[in-house]
C-alpha atoms as a PDB file:
ATOM      1  CA  MET A   1       4.805 -11.116 -30.154  1.00  0.00           C
ATOM      2  CA  PHE A   2       5.021  -9.054 -26.880  1.00  0.00           C
ATOM      3  CA  ASP A   3       4.091  -5.693 -27.247  1.00  0.00           C
ATOM      4  CA  LEU A   4       6.841  -4.111 -24.715  1.00  0.00           C
ATOM      5  CA  SER A   5       5.607  -0.483 -25.350  1.00  0.00           C
ATOM      6  CA  GLU A   6       2.064  -1.259 -24.495  1.00  0.00           C
ATOM      7  CA  PHE A   7       3.613  -3.211 -21.423  1.00  0.00           C
ATOM      8  CA  PHE A   8       5.527  -0.096 -20.234  1.00  0.00           C
ATOM      9  CA  ARG A   9       2.446   2.073 -20.776  1.00  0.00           C
ATOM     10  CA  GLU A  10       0.323  -0.232 -18.884  1.00  0.00           C
ATOM     11  CA  ILE A  11       2.803  -0.599 -15.881  1.00  0.00           C
ATOM     12  CA  SER A  12       3.625   3.235 -15.845  1.00  0.00           C
ATOM     13  CA  GLU A  13      -0.156   4.140 -15.491  1.00  0.00           C
ATOM     14  CA  LEU A  14      -0.562   1.438 -12.703  1.00  0.00           C
ATOM     15  CA  VAL A  15       2.464   2.769 -10.656  1.00  0.00           C
ATOM     16  CA  THR A  16       1.745   6.391 -11.349  1.00  0.00           C
ATOM     17  CA  ALA A  17      -1.613   6.007  -9.998  1.00  0.00           C
ATOM     18  CA  GLU A  18      -0.382   4.016  -6.726  1.00  0.00           C
ATOM     19  CA  LEU A  19       2.370   6.761  -6.154  1.00  0.00           C
ATOM     20  CA  ASP A  20      -0.283   9.543  -6.442  1.00  0.00           C
ATOM     21  CA  ARG A  21      -2.317   7.597  -3.882  1.00  0.00           C
ATOM     22  CA  LEU A  22       0.744   7.142  -1.624  1.00  0.00           C
ATOM     23  CA  ILE A  23       2.154  10.791  -1.938  1.00  0.00           C
ATOM     24  CA  PRO A  24      -1.147  12.888  -3.034  1.00  0.00           C
ATOM     25  CA  VAL A  25      -0.830  16.347  -4.336  1.00  0.00           C
ATOM     26  CA  ASN A  26      -2.937  17.682  -1.349  1.00  0.00           C
ATOM     27  CA  GLY A  27      -1.175  15.393   1.118  1.00  0.00           C
ATOM     28  CA  PRO A  28       0.777  16.100   4.436  1.00  0.00           C
ATOM     29  CA  GLY A  29       3.120  18.799   4.130  1.00  0.00           C
ATOM     30  CA  PRO A  30       5.416  20.773   4.244  1.00  0.00           C
ATOM     31  CA  ASP A  31       4.208  21.892   1.171  1.00  0.00           C
ATOM     32  CA  ASN A  32       7.738  22.352  -0.560  1.00  0.00           C
ATOM     33  CA  LEU A  33       8.895  18.840   0.572  1.00  0.00           C
ATOM     34  CA  ARG A  34       5.867  17.045  -0.723  1.00  0.00           C
ATOM     35  CA  ASP A  35       6.148  19.040  -4.042  1.00  0.00           C
ATOM     36  CA  ALA A  36       9.814  18.227  -4.337  1.00  0.00           C
ATOM     37  CA  MET A  37       9.014  14.658  -3.846  1.00  0.00           C
ATOM     38  CA  ARG A  38       6.181  14.689  -6.384  1.00  0.00           C
ATOM     39  CA  TRP A  39       8.253  16.726  -9.021  1.00  0.00           C
ATOM     40  CA  SER A  40      10.915  14.061  -9.022  1.00  0.00           C
ATOM     41  CA  LEU A  41       8.620  11.104  -8.927  1.00  0.00           C
ATOM     42  CA  PHE A  42       6.261  12.280 -11.652  1.00  0.00           C
ATOM     43  CA  GLY A  43       8.970  13.669 -14.084  1.00  0.00           C
ATOM     44  CA  GLY A  44       8.593  11.060 -16.761  1.00  0.00           C
ATOM     45  CA  GLY A  45      10.485   7.890 -17.640  1.00  0.00           C
ATOM     46  CA  LYS A  46       9.354   4.343 -18.507  1.00  0.00           C
ATOM     47  CA  HIS A  47       9.401   3.071 -14.886  1.00  0.00           C
ATOM     48  CA  PHE A  48      11.795   0.537 -15.932  1.00  0.00           C
ATOM     49  CA  ARG A  49      12.333  -1.067 -12.438  1.00  0.00           C
ATOM     50  CA  PRO A  50       8.706  -1.424 -11.477  1.00  0.00           C
ATOM     51  CA  ALA A  51       8.097  -2.930 -14.973  1.00  0.00           C
ATOM     52  CA  LEU A  52      10.649  -5.447 -14.159  1.00  0.00           C
ATOM     53  CA  VAL A  53       8.923  -6.402 -10.769  1.00  0.00           C
ATOM     54  CA  PHE A  54       5.675  -6.899 -12.823  1.00  0.00           C
ATOM     55  CA  ALA A  55       7.410  -8.791 -15.721  1.00  0.00           C
ATOM     56  CA  ALA A  56       9.135 -11.311 -13.315  1.00  0.00           C
ATOM     57  CA  GLY A  57       6.082 -11.572 -11.106  1.00  0.00           C
ATOM     58  CA  ARG A  58       3.630 -12.186 -13.865  1.00  0.00           C
ATOM     59  CA  THR A  59       6.010 -14.652 -15.421  1.00  0.00           C
ATOM     60  CA  PHE A  60       5.590 -16.921 -12.144  1.00  0.00           C
ATOM     61  CA  GLY A  61       1.924 -16.114 -11.665  1.00  0.00           C
ATOM     62  CA  ALA A  62       1.634 -13.347  -9.020  1.00  0.00           C
ATOM     63  CA  ALA A  63      -1.411 -11.072  -9.064  1.00  0.00           C
ATOM     64  CA  ASP A  64      -1.048  -7.617 -10.108  1.00  0.00           C
ATOM     65  CA  GLU A  65      -2.361  -6.197  -6.659  1.00  0.00           C
ATOM     66  CA  GLN A  66       0.442  -8.402  -5.022  1.00  0.00           C
ATOM     67  CA  LEU A  67       3.142  -6.693  -7.169  1.00  0.00           C
ATOM     68  CA  LEU A  68       1.868  -2.959  -7.071  1.00  0.00           C
ATOM     69  CA  ARG A  69       3.151  -1.680  -3.855  1.00  0.00           C
ATOM     70  CA  THR A  70       6.651  -3.203  -4.256  1.00  0.00           C
ATOM     71  CA  ALA A  71       6.864  -1.705  -7.898  1.00  0.00           C
ATOM     72  CA  ALA A  72       5.978   1.724  -6.478  1.00  0.00           C
ATOM     73  CA  ALA A  73       8.426   1.288  -3.611  1.00  0.00           C
ATOM     74  CA  VAL A  74      11.194   0.418  -6.146  1.00  0.00           C
ATOM     75  CA  GLU A  75      10.332   3.602  -7.935  1.00  0.00           C
ATOM     76  CA  MET A  76      10.480   5.672  -4.676  1.00  0.00           C
ATOM     77  CA  LEU A  77      14.011   4.354  -4.038  1.00  0.00           C
ATOM     78  CA  HIS A  78      15.122   4.698  -7.540  1.00  0.00           C
ATOM     79  CA  THR A  79      13.918   8.226  -7.432  1.00  0.00           C
ATOM     80  CA  TYR A  80      15.729   8.968  -4.156  1.00  0.00           C
ATOM     81  CA  SER A  81      19.062   7.906  -5.675  1.00  0.00           C
ATOM     82  CA  LEU A  82      18.507  10.102  -8.690  1.00  0.00           C
ATOM     83  CA  ILE A  83      17.814  13.180  -6.329  1.00  0.00           C
ATOM     84  CA  HIS A  84      20.917  12.670  -4.457  1.00  0.00           C
ATOM     85  CA  ASP A  85      23.065  11.591  -7.655  1.00  0.00           C
ATOM     86  CA  ASP A  86      22.215  14.889  -9.224  1.00  0.00           C
ATOM     87  CA  LEU A  87      23.434  17.095  -6.010  1.00  0.00           C
ATOM     88  CA  PRO A  88      25.943  19.566  -6.568  1.00  0.00           C
ATOM     89  CA  SER A  89      28.298  17.510  -4.168  1.00  0.00           C
ATOM     90  CA  MET A  90      27.823  14.354  -6.363  1.00  0.00           C
ATOM     91  CA  ASP A  91      27.305  14.721 -10.025  1.00  0.00           C
ATOM     92  CA  ASP A  92      26.163  18.253 -10.013  1.00  0.00           C
ATOM     93  CA  ASP A  93      23.491  17.927 -12.675  1.00  0.00           C
ATOM     94  CA  ASP A  94      20.849  20.454 -13.719  1.00  0.00           C
ATOM     95  CA  LEU A  95      18.796  18.333 -16.055  1.00  0.00           C
ATOM     96  CA  ARG A  96      16.865  15.165 -15.283  1.00  0.00           C
ATOM     97  CA  ARG A  97      14.467  13.656 -17.583  1.00  0.00           C
ATOM     98  CA  GLY A  98      14.369  16.878 -19.577  1.00  0.00           C
ATOM     99  CA  ARG A  99      13.686  19.276 -17.116  1.00  0.00           C
ATOM    100  CA  ALA A 100      15.154  20.792 -13.833  1.00  0.00           C
ATOM    101  CA  THR A 101      16.737  18.588 -11.274  1.00  0.00           C
ATOM    102  CA  CYS A 102      15.142  18.662  -7.835  1.00  0.00           C
ATOM    103  CA  HIS A 103      17.905  20.975  -6.262  1.00  0.00           C
ATOM    104  CA  ILE A 104      17.641  23.394  -9.044  1.00  0.00           C
ATOM    105  CA  LYS A 105      13.770  23.557  -8.831  1.00  0.00           C
ATOM    106  CA  PHE A 106      13.318  23.486  -5.068  1.00  0.00           C
ATOM    107  CA  GLY A 107      16.813  24.114  -3.561  1.00  0.00           C
ATOM    108  CA  GLU A 108      19.771  21.722  -2.175  1.00  0.00           C
ATOM    109  CA  SER A 109      18.370  21.075   1.243  1.00  0.00           C
ATOM    110  CA  THR A 110      14.858  20.301   0.178  1.00  0.00           C
ATOM    111  CA  ALA A 111      16.299  18.088  -2.336  1.00  0.00           C
ATOM    112  CA  ILE A 112      18.203  16.000   0.213  1.00  0.00           C
ATOM    113  CA  LEU A 113      15.161  15.828   2.511  1.00  0.00           C
ATOM    114  CA  ALA A 114      12.861  14.677  -0.438  1.00  0.00           C
ATOM    115  CA  GLY A 115      15.359  11.808  -1.152  1.00  0.00           C
ATOM    116  CA  ASP A 116      15.424  10.887   2.423  1.00  0.00           C
ATOM    117  CA  ALA A 117      11.668  10.899   2.598  1.00  0.00           C
ATOM    118  CA  LEU A 118      11.247   8.876  -0.502  1.00  0.00           C
ATOM    119  CA  GLN A 119      13.741   6.147   0.730  1.00  0.00           C
ATOM    120  CA  ALA A 120      11.739   5.948   3.949  1.00  0.00           C
ATOM    121  CA  LEU A 121       8.429   5.754   2.413  1.00  0.00           C
ATOM    122  CA  ALA A 122       9.691   2.982  -0.087  1.00  0.00           C
ATOM    123  CA  PHE A 123      10.280   0.678   3.011  1.00  0.00           C
ATOM    124  CA  GLN A 124       6.979   1.669   4.619  1.00  0.00           C
ATOM    125  CA  SER A 125       5.119   0.880   1.482  1.00  0.00           C
ATOM    126  CA  ILE A 126       6.391  -2.587   1.396  1.00  0.00           C
ATOM    127  CA  VAL A 127       6.102  -3.301   5.110  1.00  0.00           C
ATOM    128  CA  ASP A 128       2.479  -2.072   5.171  1.00  0.00           C
ATOM    129  CA  ASP A 129       1.366  -4.058   2.218  1.00  0.00           C
ATOM    130  CA  LYS A 130      -1.678  -6.230   3.360  1.00  0.00           C
ATOM    131  CA  ASN A 131      -1.595  -7.986   0.042  1.00  0.00           C
ATOM    132  CA  LEU A 132       1.417 -10.049   1.116  1.00  0.00           C
ATOM    133  CA  GLU A 133       2.110 -12.249   3.942  1.00  0.00           C
ATOM    134  CA  SER A 134       4.484 -10.950   6.702  1.00  0.00           C
ATOM    135  CA  GLU A 135       7.371 -13.328   5.898  1.00  0.00           C
ATOM    136  CA  VAL A 136       7.290 -12.201   2.103  1.00  0.00           C
ATOM    137  CA  ARG A 137       7.410  -8.493   3.322  1.00  0.00           C
ATOM    138  CA  ILE A 138      10.271  -9.251   5.825  1.00  0.00           C
ATOM    139  CA  GLU A 139      12.284 -10.562   2.940  1.00  0.00           C
ATOM    140  CA  LEU A 140      11.482  -8.073   0.584  1.00  0.00           C
ATOM    141  CA  ALA A 141      12.403  -5.230   2.948  1.00  0.00           C
ATOM    142  CA  ALA A 142      15.592  -6.990   3.631  1.00  0.00           C
ATOM    143  CA  GLY A 143      16.409  -7.388  -0.034  1.00  0.00           C
ATOM    144  CA  MET A 144      15.494  -3.764  -0.824  1.00  0.00           C
ATOM    145  CA  ALA A 145      17.854  -2.719   2.277  1.00  0.00           C
ATOM    146  CA  LYS A 146      20.862  -4.728   0.707  1.00  0.00           C
ATOM    147  CA  ALA A 147      20.170  -3.105  -2.666  1.00  0.00           C
ATOM    148  CA  ALA A 148      20.144   0.303  -1.172  1.00  0.00           C
ATOM    149  CA  ALA A 149      23.233  -0.105   0.716  1.00  0.00           C
ATOM    150  CA  LYS A 150      25.079  -1.382  -2.511  1.00  0.00           C
ATOM    151  CA  MET A 151      23.576   1.638  -4.255  1.00  0.00           C
ATOM    152  CA  VAL A 152      25.546   3.805  -1.748  1.00  0.00           C
ATOM    153  CA  ARG A 153      28.586   1.772  -1.944  1.00  0.00           C
ATOM    154  CA  GLY A 154      28.443   2.078  -5.773  1.00  0.00           C
ATOM    155  CA  GLN A 155      28.072   5.742  -5.678  1.00  0.00           C
ATOM    156  CA  GLN A 156      31.155   6.251  -3.249  1.00  0.00           C
ATOM    157  CA  LEU A 157      33.135   4.210  -5.737  1.00  0.00           C
ATOM    158  CA  ASP A 158      31.907   6.097  -8.575  1.00  0.00           C
ATOM    159  CA  LEU A 159      33.230   9.335  -7.038  1.00  0.00           C
ATOM    160  CA  GLU A 160      36.374   8.155  -5.864  1.00  0.00           C
ATOM    161  CA  SER A 161      36.967   6.792  -9.467  1.00  0.00           C
ATOM    162  CA  GLU A 162      36.712  10.247 -11.033  1.00  0.00           C
ATOM    163  CA  GLY A 163      39.817  11.338 -12.943  1.00  0.00           C
ATOM    164  CA  LYS A 164      41.366   7.849 -12.478  1.00  0.00           C
ATOM    165  CA  GLU A 165      42.229   5.005 -14.959  1.00  0.00           C
ATOM    166  CA  LEU A 166      40.084   2.150 -14.140  1.00  0.00           C
ATOM    167  CA  ASP A 167      40.373  -1.442 -15.365  1.00  0.00           C
ATOM    168  CA  LEU A 168      37.232  -3.274 -16.645  1.00  0.00           C
ATOM    169  CA  LEU A 169      36.841  -5.201 -13.312  1.00  0.00           C
ATOM    170  CA  SER A 170      36.679  -1.920 -11.427  1.00  0.00           C
ATOM    171  CA  VAL A 171      34.066  -0.291 -13.579  1.00  0.00           C
ATOM    172  CA  GLU A 172      31.822  -3.489 -13.484  1.00  0.00           C
ATOM    173  CA  ASN A 173      32.179  -3.512  -9.692  1.00  0.00           C
ATOM    174  CA  ILE A 174      31.131   0.247  -9.560  1.00  0.00           C
ATOM    175  CA  HIS A 175      28.068  -0.449 -11.639  1.00  0.00           C
ATOM    176  CA  ALA A 176      27.015  -3.709 -10.149  1.00  0.00           C
ATOM    177  CA  ASN A 177      26.472  -1.800  -6.865  1.00  0.00           C
ATOM    178  CA  LYS A 178      25.335   1.633  -8.090  1.00  0.00           C
ATOM    179  CA  THR A 179      23.031   0.514 -10.983  1.00  0.00           C
ATOM    180  CA  GLY A 180      22.745  -2.993 -10.903  1.00  0.00           C
ATOM    181  CA  ALA A 181      21.671  -3.875  -7.458  1.00  0.00           C
ATOM    182  CA  LEU A 182      18.238  -2.297  -7.555  1.00  0.00           C
ATOM    183  CA  ILE A 183      17.620  -3.729 -11.070  1.00  0.00           C
ATOM    184  CA  ALA A 184      18.529  -7.248  -9.762  1.00  0.00           C
ATOM    185  CA  PHE A 185      16.167  -6.512  -6.590  1.00  0.00           C
ATOM    186  CA  SER A 186      13.204  -5.582  -8.899  1.00  0.00           C
ATOM    187  CA  ALA A 187      13.292  -8.939 -10.808  1.00  0.00           C
ATOM    188  CA  ASN A 188      13.920 -10.944  -7.585  1.00  0.00           C
ATOM    189  CA  ALA A 189      11.086  -9.233  -5.886  1.00  0.00           C
ATOM    190  CA  GLY A 190       8.669  -9.983  -8.480  1.00  0.00           C
ATOM    191  CA  ALA A 191       9.841 -13.832  -8.300  1.00  0.00           C
ATOM    192  CA  LEU A 192       9.712 -13.763  -4.395  1.00  0.00           C
ATOM    193  CA  ILE A 193       6.136 -12.611  -4.369  1.00  0.00           C
ATOM    194  CA  ALA A 194       4.764 -14.913  -7.048  1.00  0.00           C
ATOM    195  CA  GLY A 195       6.374 -17.875  -5.067  1.00  0.00           C
ATOM    196  CA  ALA A 196       8.789 -19.047  -7.536  1.00  0.00           C
ATOM    197  CA  ARG A 197      10.653 -22.147  -6.671  1.00  0.00           C
ATOM    198  CA  ASP A 198      14.431 -22.017  -5.473  1.00  0.00           C
ATOM    199  CA  SER A 199      15.811 -23.048  -8.847  1.00  0.00           C
ATOM    200  CA  GLU A 200      13.630 -20.509 -10.580  1.00  0.00           C
ATOM    201  CA  ARG A 201      14.702 -17.835  -8.395  1.00  0.00           C
ATOM    202  CA  VAL A 202      18.316 -18.586  -8.930  1.00  0.00           C
ATOM    203  CA  ALA A 203      17.625 -18.167 -12.802  1.00  0.00           C
ATOM    204  CA  ILE A 204      15.822 -14.751 -12.385  1.00  0.00           C
ATOM    205  CA  ASP A 205      18.806 -13.579 -10.085  1.00  0.00           C
ATOM    206  CA  GLU A 206      21.303 -14.543 -12.805  1.00  0.00           C
ATOM    207  CA  TYR A 207      19.119 -12.986 -15.549  1.00  0.00           C
ATOM    208  CA  ALA A 208      18.690  -9.877 -13.345  1.00  0.00           C
ATOM    209  CA  THR A 209      22.292  -9.569 -12.610  1.00  0.00           C
ATOM    210  CA  GLY A 210      23.149  -9.646 -16.359  1.00  0.00           C
ATOM    211  CA  LEU A 211      20.110  -7.286 -17.101  1.00  0.00           C
ATOM    212  CA  GLY A 212      21.717  -4.581 -14.623  1.00  0.00           C
ATOM    213  CA  LEU A 213      25.083  -4.992 -16.352  1.00  0.00           C
ATOM    214  CA  LEU A 214      23.458  -4.567 -19.654  1.00  0.00           C
ATOM    215  CA  PHE A 215      21.529  -1.490 -18.720  1.00  0.00           C
ATOM    216  CA  GLN A 216      24.668   0.121 -17.462  1.00  0.00           C
ATOM    217  CA  ILE A 217      26.777  -0.589 -20.509  1.00  0.00           C
ATOM    218  CA  THR A 218      24.114   0.815 -22.802  1.00  0.00           C
ATOM    219  CA  ASP A 219      23.757   3.934 -20.620  1.00  0.00           C
ATOM    220  CA  ASP A 220      27.518   4.728 -20.759  1.00  0.00           C
ATOM    221  CA  LEU A 221      27.465   4.193 -24.470  1.00  0.00           C
ATOM    222  CA  LEU A 222      24.362   6.626 -24.947  1.00  0.00           C
ATOM    223  CA  ASP A 223      26.351   9.170 -22.845  1.00  0.00           C
ATOM    224  CA  VAL A 224      28.889   9.475 -25.556  1.00  0.00           C
ATOM    225  CA  THR A 225      26.751   8.820 -28.500  1.00  0.00           C
ATOM    226  CA  GLN A 226      23.558  10.621 -28.056  1.00  0.00           C
ATOM    227  CA  PRO A 227      22.874  14.590 -27.644  1.00  0.00           C
ATOM    228  CA  THR A 228      21.398  16.087 -24.403  1.00  0.00           C
ATOM    229  CA  GLU A 229      17.958  16.536 -26.171  1.00  0.00           C
ATOM    230  CA  ALA A 230      17.667  12.834 -26.673  1.00  0.00           C
ATOM    231  CA  LEU A 231      18.930  11.624 -23.145  1.00  0.00           C
ATOM    232  CA  GLY A 232      16.953  14.162 -21.074  1.00  0.00           C
ATOM    233  CA  LYS A 233      20.072  14.756 -19.246  1.00  0.00           C
ATOM    234  CA  THR A 234      23.404  16.289 -19.948  1.00  0.00           C
ATOM    235  CA  ALA A 235      25.266  14.346 -22.721  1.00  0.00           C
ATOM    236  CA  GLY A 236      28.984  13.741 -22.156  1.00  0.00           C
ATOM    237  CA  LYS A 237      28.879  14.373 -18.512  1.00  0.00           C
ATOM    238  CA  ASP A 238      30.930  11.191 -17.439  1.00  0.00           C
ATOM    239  CA  LYS A 239      33.697  12.039 -19.831  1.00  0.00           C
ATOM    240  CA  GLN A 240      33.776  15.677 -18.564  1.00  0.00           C
ATOM    241  CA  VAL A 241      34.310  14.477 -14.922  1.00  0.00           C
ATOM    242  CA  GLY A 242      36.695  11.525 -15.889  1.00  0.00           C
ATOM    243  CA  LYS A 243      34.323   8.728 -14.751  1.00  0.00           C
ATOM    244  CA  GLY A 244      35.301   5.127 -15.556  1.00  0.00           C
ATOM    245  CA  THR A 245      32.698   3.825 -18.092  1.00  0.00           C
ATOM    246  CA  TYR A 246      32.743   1.137 -20.464  1.00  0.00           C
ATOM    247  CA  PRO A 247      33.541   3.100 -23.708  1.00  0.00           C
ATOM    248  CA  SER A 248      36.521   4.820 -21.694  1.00  0.00           C
ATOM    249  CA  VAL A 249      37.916   1.496 -20.922  1.00  0.00           C
ATOM    250  CA  LEU A 250      36.850  -0.517 -24.087  1.00  0.00           C
ATOM    251  CA  GLY A 251      36.026   2.041 -26.749  1.00  0.00           C
ATOM    252  CA  ILE A 252      32.741   2.538 -28.437  1.00  0.00           C
ATOM    253  CA  ASP A 253      33.249  -0.591 -30.949  1.00  0.00           C
ATOM    254  CA  GLN A 254      34.195  -3.172 -28.114  1.00  0.00           C
ATOM    255  CA  THR A 255      31.597  -1.617 -25.936  1.00  0.00           C
ATOM    256  CA  ARG A 256      29.024  -2.486 -28.566  1.00  0.00           C
ATOM    257  CA  GLU A 257      30.325  -6.202 -28.689  1.00  0.00           C
ATOM    258  CA  LYS A 258      30.187  -6.331 -24.874  1.00  0.00           C
ATOM    259  CA  ILE A 259      26.433  -5.251 -25.003  1.00  0.00           C
ATOM    260  CA  LYS A 260      25.839  -8.306 -27.524  1.00  0.00           C
ATOM    261  CA  GLU A 261      27.762 -10.651 -25.382  1.00  0.00           C
ATOM    262  CA  VAL A 262      26.012  -9.699 -22.217  1.00  0.00           C
ATOM    263  CA  HIS A 263      22.653  -9.771 -23.854  1.00  0.00           C
ATOM    264  CA  ASP A 264      23.063 -13.074 -25.346  1.00  0.00           C
ATOM    265  CA  GLN A 265      24.092 -14.665 -21.788  1.00  0.00           C
ATOM    266  CA  THR A 266      21.136 -12.787 -20.310  1.00  0.00           C
ATOM    267  CA  ILE A 267      18.682 -14.453 -22.870  1.00  0.00           C
ATOM    268  CA  GLY A 268      20.250 -17.812 -22.356  1.00  0.00           C
ATOM    269  CA  VAL A 269      19.452 -17.819 -18.767  1.00  0.00           C
ATOM    270  CA  LEU A 270      15.899 -17.593 -19.675  1.00  0.00           C
ATOM    271  CA  GLU A 271      16.077 -20.709 -21.992  1.00  0.00           C
ATOM    272  CA  GLY A 272      16.030 -22.800 -18.854  1.00  0.00           C
ATOM    273  CA  LEU A 273      12.783 -21.748 -17.660  1.00  0.00           C
ATOM    274  CA  PRO A 274       9.843 -23.788 -18.945  1.00  0.00           C
ATOM    275  CA  LEU A 275       7.563 -20.510 -18.766  1.00  0.00           C
ATOM    276  CA  ASP A 276       6.586 -17.589 -21.045  1.00  0.00           C
ATOM    277  CA  THR A 277       9.508 -15.359 -20.570  1.00  0.00           C
ATOM    278  CA  SER A 278       8.517 -13.203 -23.496  1.00  0.00           C
ATOM    279  CA  SER A 279       8.185 -10.072 -21.464  1.00  0.00           C
ATOM    280  CA  LEU A 280      11.710 -10.826 -19.650  1.00  0.00           C
ATOM    281  CA  ARG A 281      13.294 -11.285 -23.149  1.00  0.00           C
ATOM    282  CA  ALA A 282      11.739  -8.175 -24.621  1.00  0.00           C
ATOM    283  CA  ILE A 283      13.200  -6.016 -21.655  1.00  0.00           C
ATOM    284  CA  SER A 284      16.493  -7.475 -22.416  1.00  0.00           C
ATOM    285  CA  ASP A 285      16.097  -6.704 -26.318  1.00  0.00           C
ATOM    286  CA  PHE A 286      15.081  -3.163 -25.514  1.00  0.00           C
ATOM    287  CA  LEU A 287      18.329  -2.173 -23.630  1.00  0.00           C
ATOM    288  CA  VAL A 288      20.186  -3.584 -26.631  1.00  0.00           C
ATOM    289  CA  THR A 289      18.175  -1.454 -29.171  1.00  0.00           C
ATOM    290  CA  ARG A 290      18.444   1.755 -27.031  1.00  0.00           C
ATOM    291  CA  GLY A 291      22.169   1.368 -27.334  1.00  0.00           C
ATOM    292  CA  HIS A 292      22.312   1.759 -31.095  1.00  0.00           C
END
């Protein structure tokens, strides 16, 4: 049986070491900016998206050294999005991963710049990766840019939705962009780096799209069923500001039914791959269990 906890621990150690190398504690200043970047990068978490890069990449036979820089880049881009998402002009959150958000710790202007720097460094990390052929690096950079643009569109849609009654299609559109795009890129990147065949990449894209949806549905459910201490961020914030979420549209019971439906569809995609997909299955199962 695949040990997902050990897998998350292994990947977290690999990615943390690479991020520490890319943005060292005594690296280029200004010190406050560098420290703000590191505060947010090394704030904990399972490194879910980098783990997805490795899970997909290893499934199709990629070596770890081929996957590591892209996995680190994904974490930098994700961290940039969290920093900006927490800003007073956005979601105005004081807590992230159980401690002060970047703008609370370092000030709003430094937080904005820390996010900007992490986004730029994410692309640099991919482009400079000598373990990959130039054509692969170009495709990775283009794919990550597309995901980053979708994240921004999703954030704008999310802000515009506050206080409005949304239907299910509108909620799914917001989260397919804001959350799902980078999750989908992470799995697709691993398959690309490994040289997966076109049919295999289509299957992984379908799996990853479902996984992004599954992630957000469970995240929405946790926001209304778990306390702040368990979440590491302010619980009930979505409801307070009137965001469109799956529980607000479907209710809690139907949201749980939706989780099962999407999980079954996501796992079903993997059935067509004649490979060991145990890590990808375990990640999908993990998202379901965290929603209960």
